[in-house]
């Protein structure tokens, strides 16, 4: 397997909240390096299978980033915090929420994830990214 050099965010392409999260990242990231893949896509399914993750239960975003000893896979609140650390100020300051205990952060993450369609809605198809960033979507 080739060494991973770019961070990848796997998200639920049918979820309005998740799609807004992607747009938020595109607006606030310090440098345009994060690549995106919808869990429902062929590339998303390959990503999930390669990492031994569930192929049909997309209640969490996964963030894979290069690390000194190989790729590091973050999930749930850990994924969100890892992404926030790559944003411009003042947004990246939200990564300070890492001081909260992981079980508490993940409990809250799970509540939102479980209710995301009811609270934020569901897309009838994956949103098409703008042409200027389309190459960053796998």
C-alpha atoms as a PDB file:
ATOM      1  CA  UNK A   1       0.000   0.000   0.000  1.00  0.00           C
ATOM      2  CA  UNK A   2       1.281   3.465  -0.898  1.00  0.00           C
ATOM      3  CA  UNK A   3       2.085   5.849   1.932  1.00  0.00           C
ATOM      4  CA  UNK A   4      -0.795   8.204   2.559  1.00  0.00           C
ATOM      5  CA  UNK A   5       0.186  11.850   2.184  1.00  0.00           C
ATOM      6  CA  UNK A   6      -3.162  13.638   2.267  1.00  0.00           C
ATOM      7  CA  UNK A   7      -5.878  13.631   4.920  1.00  0.00           C
ATOM      8  CA  UNK A   8      -9.200  12.049   3.945  1.00  0.00           C
ATOM      9  CA  UNK A   9     -12.612  12.676   5.503  1.00  0.00           C
ATOM     10  CA  UNK A  10     -15.271  10.021   4.994  1.00  0.00           C
ATOM     11  CA  UNK A  11     -18.796  11.387   5.486  1.00  0.00           C
ATOM     12  CA  UNK A  12     -22.439  10.419   4.962  1.00  0.00           C
ATOM     13  CA  UNK A  13     -23.265  11.945   1.577  1.00  0.00           C
ATOM     14  CA  UNK A  14     -27.027  11.749   2.242  1.00  0.00           C
ATOM     15  CA  UNK A  15     -26.835  13.719   5.493  1.00  0.00           C
ATOM     16  CA  UNK A  16     -27.533  17.464   5.350  1.00  0.00           C
ATOM     17  CA  UNK A  17     -25.469  18.072   8.516  1.00  0.00           C
ATOM     18  CA  UNK A  18     -22.517  16.093   7.132  1.00  0.00           C
ATOM     19  CA  UNK A  19     -22.649  17.933   3.793  1.00  0.00           C
ATOM     20  CA  UNK A  20     -22.700  21.260   5.643  1.00  0.00           C
ATOM     21  CA  UNK A  21     -19.697  20.080   7.682  1.00  0.00           C
ATOM     22  CA  UNK A  22     -17.815  19.486   4.406  1.00  0.00           C
ATOM     23  CA  UNK A  23     -18.725  22.972   3.136  1.00  0.00           C
ATOM     24  CA  UNK A  24     -17.654  24.420   6.495  1.00  0.00           C
ATOM     25  CA  UNK A  25     -14.278  22.688   6.177  1.00  0.00           C
ATOM     26  CA  UNK A  26     -13.821  23.971   2.625  1.00  0.00           C
ATOM     27  CA  UNK A  27     -14.437  27.505   3.909  1.00  0.00           C
ATOM     28  CA  UNK A  28     -12.235  27.410   7.016  1.00  0.00           C
ATOM     29  CA  UNK A  29      -9.321  25.037   6.369  1.00  0.00           C
ATOM     30  CA  UNK A  30      -5.848  26.557   6.568  1.00  0.00           C
ATOM     31  CA  UNK A  31      -4.634  24.883   3.400  1.00  0.00           C
ATOM     32  CA  UNK A  32      -6.681  23.015   0.793  1.00  0.00           C
ATOM     33  CA  UNK A  33      -5.404  19.516   1.473  1.00  0.00           C
ATOM     34  CA  UNK A  34      -8.290  17.493   2.923  1.00  0.00           C
ATOM     35  CA  UNK A  35      -9.889  15.109   0.438  1.00  0.00           C
ATOM     36  CA  UNK A  36     -13.482  14.005   0.853  1.00  0.00           C
ATOM     37  CA  UNK A  37     -15.293  10.759   0.143  1.00  0.00           C
ATOM     38  CA  UNK A  38     -18.991   9.976   0.589  1.00  0.00           C
ATOM     39  CA  UNK A  39     -19.569   6.679   2.400  1.00  0.00           C
ATOM     40  CA  UNK A  40     -22.174   5.682  -0.188  1.00  0.00           C
ATOM     41  CA  UNK A  41     -19.777   6.014  -3.134  1.00  0.00           C
ATOM     42  CA  UNK A  42     -17.651   3.201  -4.553  1.00  0.00           C
ATOM     43  CA  UNK A  43     -14.541   4.954  -3.191  1.00  0.00           C
ATOM     44  CA  UNK A  44     -16.218   5.318   0.208  1.00  0.00           C
ATOM     45  CA  UNK A  45     -17.157   1.639   0.314  1.00  0.00           C
ATOM     46  CA  UNK A  46     -13.584   0.693  -0.638  1.00  0.00           C
ATOM     47  CA  UNK A  47     -12.243   2.975   2.133  1.00  0.00           C
ATOM     48  CA  UNK A  48     -14.550   1.375   4.708  1.00  0.00           C
ATOM     49  CA  UNK A  49     -13.658  -2.161   3.612  1.00  0.00           C
ATOM     50  CA  UNK A  50      -9.918  -1.418   3.576  1.00  0.00           C
ATOM     51  CA  UNK A  51     -10.083  -0.202   7.174  1.00  0.00           C
ATOM     52  CA  UNK A  52     -12.442  -2.905   8.448  1.00  0.00           C
ATOM     53  CA  UNK A  53     -15.270  -0.432   9.122  1.00  0.00           C
ATOM     54  CA  UNK A  54     -19.040  -1.029   8.779  1.00  0.00           C
ATOM     55  CA  UNK A  55     -20.163  -0.799   5.145  1.00  0.00           C
ATOM     56  CA  UNK A  56     -23.716   0.355   5.819  1.00  0.00           C
ATOM     57  CA  UNK A  57     -23.922   2.112   9.213  1.00  0.00           C
ATOM     58  CA  UNK A  58     -22.606   5.623   8.642  1.00  0.00           C
ATOM     59  CA  UNK A  59     -23.294   7.190  12.024  1.00  0.00           C
ATOM     60  CA  UNK A  60     -19.774   8.557  12.285  1.00  0.00           C
ATOM     61  CA  UNK A  61     -17.354  10.497  10.165  1.00  0.00           C
ATOM     62  CA  UNK A  62     -13.901   8.992   9.822  1.00  0.00           C
ATOM     63  CA  UNK A  63     -10.826  11.117   9.345  1.00  0.00           C
ATOM     64  CA  UNK A  64      -7.628   9.487   8.138  1.00  0.00           C
ATOM     65  CA  UNK A  65      -4.495  11.598   8.311  1.00  0.00           C
ATOM     66  CA  UNK A  66      -0.828  10.892   7.785  1.00  0.00           C
ATOM     67  CA  UNK A  67       1.167  10.384  10.946  1.00  0.00           C
ATOM     68  CA  UNK A  68       4.859   9.888  11.688  1.00  0.00           C
ATOM     69  CA  UNK A  69       4.350   6.122  12.098  1.00  0.00           C
ATOM     70  CA  UNK A  70       1.759   5.700   9.351  1.00  0.00           C
ATOM     71  CA  UNK A  71      -1.849   6.767   8.845  1.00  0.00           C
ATOM     72  CA  UNK A  72      -3.948   7.603  11.898  1.00  0.00           C
ATOM     73  CA  UNK A  73      -7.698   6.913  11.796  1.00  0.00           C
ATOM     74  CA  UNK A  74      -9.932   9.132  13.936  1.00  0.00           C
ATOM     75  CA  UNK A  75     -13.643   8.569  14.516  1.00  0.00           C
ATOM     76  CA  UNK A  76     -16.564  10.307  16.197  1.00  0.00           C
ATOM     77  CA  UNK A  77     -15.526  13.353  18.256  1.00  0.00           C
ATOM     78  CA  UNK A  78     -11.858  12.524  17.664  1.00  0.00           C
ATOM     79  CA  UNK A  79     -12.388  12.941  13.913  1.00  0.00           C
ATOM     80  CA  UNK A  80     -14.112  16.295  14.386  1.00  0.00           C
ATOM     81  CA  UNK A  81     -11.336  17.559  16.665  1.00  0.00           C
ATOM     82  CA  UNK A  82      -8.600  16.379  14.278  1.00  0.00           C
ATOM     83  CA  UNK A  83     -10.313  18.281  11.468  1.00  0.00           C
ATOM     84  CA  UNK A  84     -10.767  21.391  13.641  1.00  0.00           C
ATOM     85  CA  UNK A  85      -7.021  21.453  14.346  1.00  0.00           C
ATOM     86  CA  UNK A  86      -6.514  21.981  10.590  1.00  0.00           C
ATOM     87  CA  UNK A  87      -8.807  25.040  10.422  1.00  0.00           C
ATOM     88  CA  UNK A  88      -7.951  28.730  10.555  1.00  0.00           C
ATOM     89  CA  UNK A  89      -8.473  30.734  13.749  1.00  0.00           C
ATOM     90  CA  UNK A  90     -10.848  31.282  15.424  1.00  0.00           C
ATOM     91  CA  UNK A  91     -12.482  27.998  14.320  1.00  0.00           C
ATOM     92  CA  UNK A  92      -9.463  25.876  15.240  1.00  0.00           C
ATOM     93  CA  UNK A  93      -9.774  27.073  18.837  1.00  0.00           C
ATOM     94  CA  UNK A  94     -12.794  24.765  19.124  1.00  0.00           C
ATOM     95  CA  UNK A  95     -10.297  21.898  19.204  1.00  0.00           C
ATOM     96  CA  UNK A  96      -9.783  22.912  22.841  1.00  0.00           C
ATOM     97  CA  UNK A  97     -12.918  20.837  23.495  1.00  0.00           C
ATOM     98  CA  UNK A  98     -10.459  17.955  23.590  1.00  0.00           C
ATOM     99  CA  UNK A  99     -10.098  18.693  27.298  1.00  0.00           C
ATOM    100  CA  UNK A 100     -13.517  17.103  27.801  1.00  0.00           C
ATOM    101  CA  UNK A 101     -13.384  13.366  28.505  1.00  0.00           C
ATOM    102  CA  UNK A 102     -13.675  11.320  25.324  1.00  0.00           C
ATOM    103  CA  UNK A 103     -16.656   9.268  26.620  1.00  0.00           C
ATOM    104  CA  UNK A 104     -18.621  12.481  27.208  1.00  0.00           C
ATOM    105  CA  UNK A 105     -17.680  13.903  23.788  1.00  0.00           C
ATOM    106  CA  UNK A 106     -18.552  10.645  22.026  1.00  0.00           C
ATOM    107  CA  UNK A 107     -21.836  10.340  23.939  1.00  0.00           C
ATOM    108  CA  UNK A 108     -22.897  13.755  22.621  1.00  0.00           C
ATOM    109  CA  UNK A 109     -21.586  12.905  19.140  1.00  0.00           C
ATOM    110  CA  UNK A 110     -23.644   9.694  19.120  1.00  0.00           C
ATOM    111  CA  UNK A 111     -26.843  11.556  20.105  1.00  0.00           C
ATOM    112  CA  UNK A 112     -26.444  14.019  17.249  1.00  0.00           C
ATOM    113  CA  UNK A 113     -25.428  11.276  14.774  1.00  0.00           C
ATOM    114  CA  UNK A 114     -28.420   9.119  15.660  1.00  0.00           C
ATOM    115  CA  UNK A 115     -30.853  12.021  15.162  1.00  0.00           C
ATOM    116  CA  UNK A 116     -29.128  13.850  12.310  1.00  0.00           C
ATOM    117  CA  UNK A 117     -31.744  13.004   9.642  1.00  0.00           C
ATOM    118  CA  UNK A 118     -34.659  14.015  11.875  1.00  0.00           C
ATOM    119  CA  UNK A 119     -33.008  17.248  13.038  1.00  0.00           C
ATOM    120  CA  UNK A 120     -31.221  18.403   9.882  1.00  0.00           C
ATOM    121  CA  UNK A 121     -32.783  16.437   7.023  1.00  0.00           C
ATOM    122  CA  UNK A 122     -31.661  13.985   4.412  1.00  0.00           C
ATOM    123  CA  UNK A 123     -30.601  14.666   0.836  1.00  0.00           C
ATOM    124  CA  UNK A 124     -32.263  12.616  -1.876  1.00  0.00           C
ATOM    125  CA  UNK A 125     -28.873  12.449  -3.599  1.00  0.00           C
ATOM    126  CA  UNK A 126     -25.302  13.357  -2.757  1.00  0.00           C
ATOM    127  CA  UNK A 127     -24.684  17.086  -3.229  1.00  0.00           C
ATOM    128  CA  UNK A 128     -22.449  17.936  -6.173  1.00  0.00           C
ATOM    129  CA  UNK A 129     -19.373  19.893  -5.054  1.00  0.00           C
ATOM    130  CA  UNK A 130     -18.521  23.176  -6.787  1.00  0.00           C
ATOM    131  CA  UNK A 131     -16.242  22.769  -9.841  1.00  0.00           C
ATOM    132  CA  UNK A 132     -13.277  24.504  -8.163  1.00  0.00           C
ATOM    133  CA  UNK A 133     -13.061  21.803  -5.453  1.00  0.00           C
ATOM    134  CA  UNK A 134     -14.472  18.804  -7.318  1.00  0.00           C
ATOM    135  CA  UNK A 135     -11.015  17.228  -7.748  1.00  0.00           C
ATOM    136  CA  UNK A 136     -10.761  16.918  -3.931  1.00  0.00           C
ATOM    137  CA  UNK A 137     -13.718  14.521  -3.819  1.00  0.00           C
ATOM    138  CA  UNK A 138     -12.909  10.858  -4.383  1.00  0.00           C
END
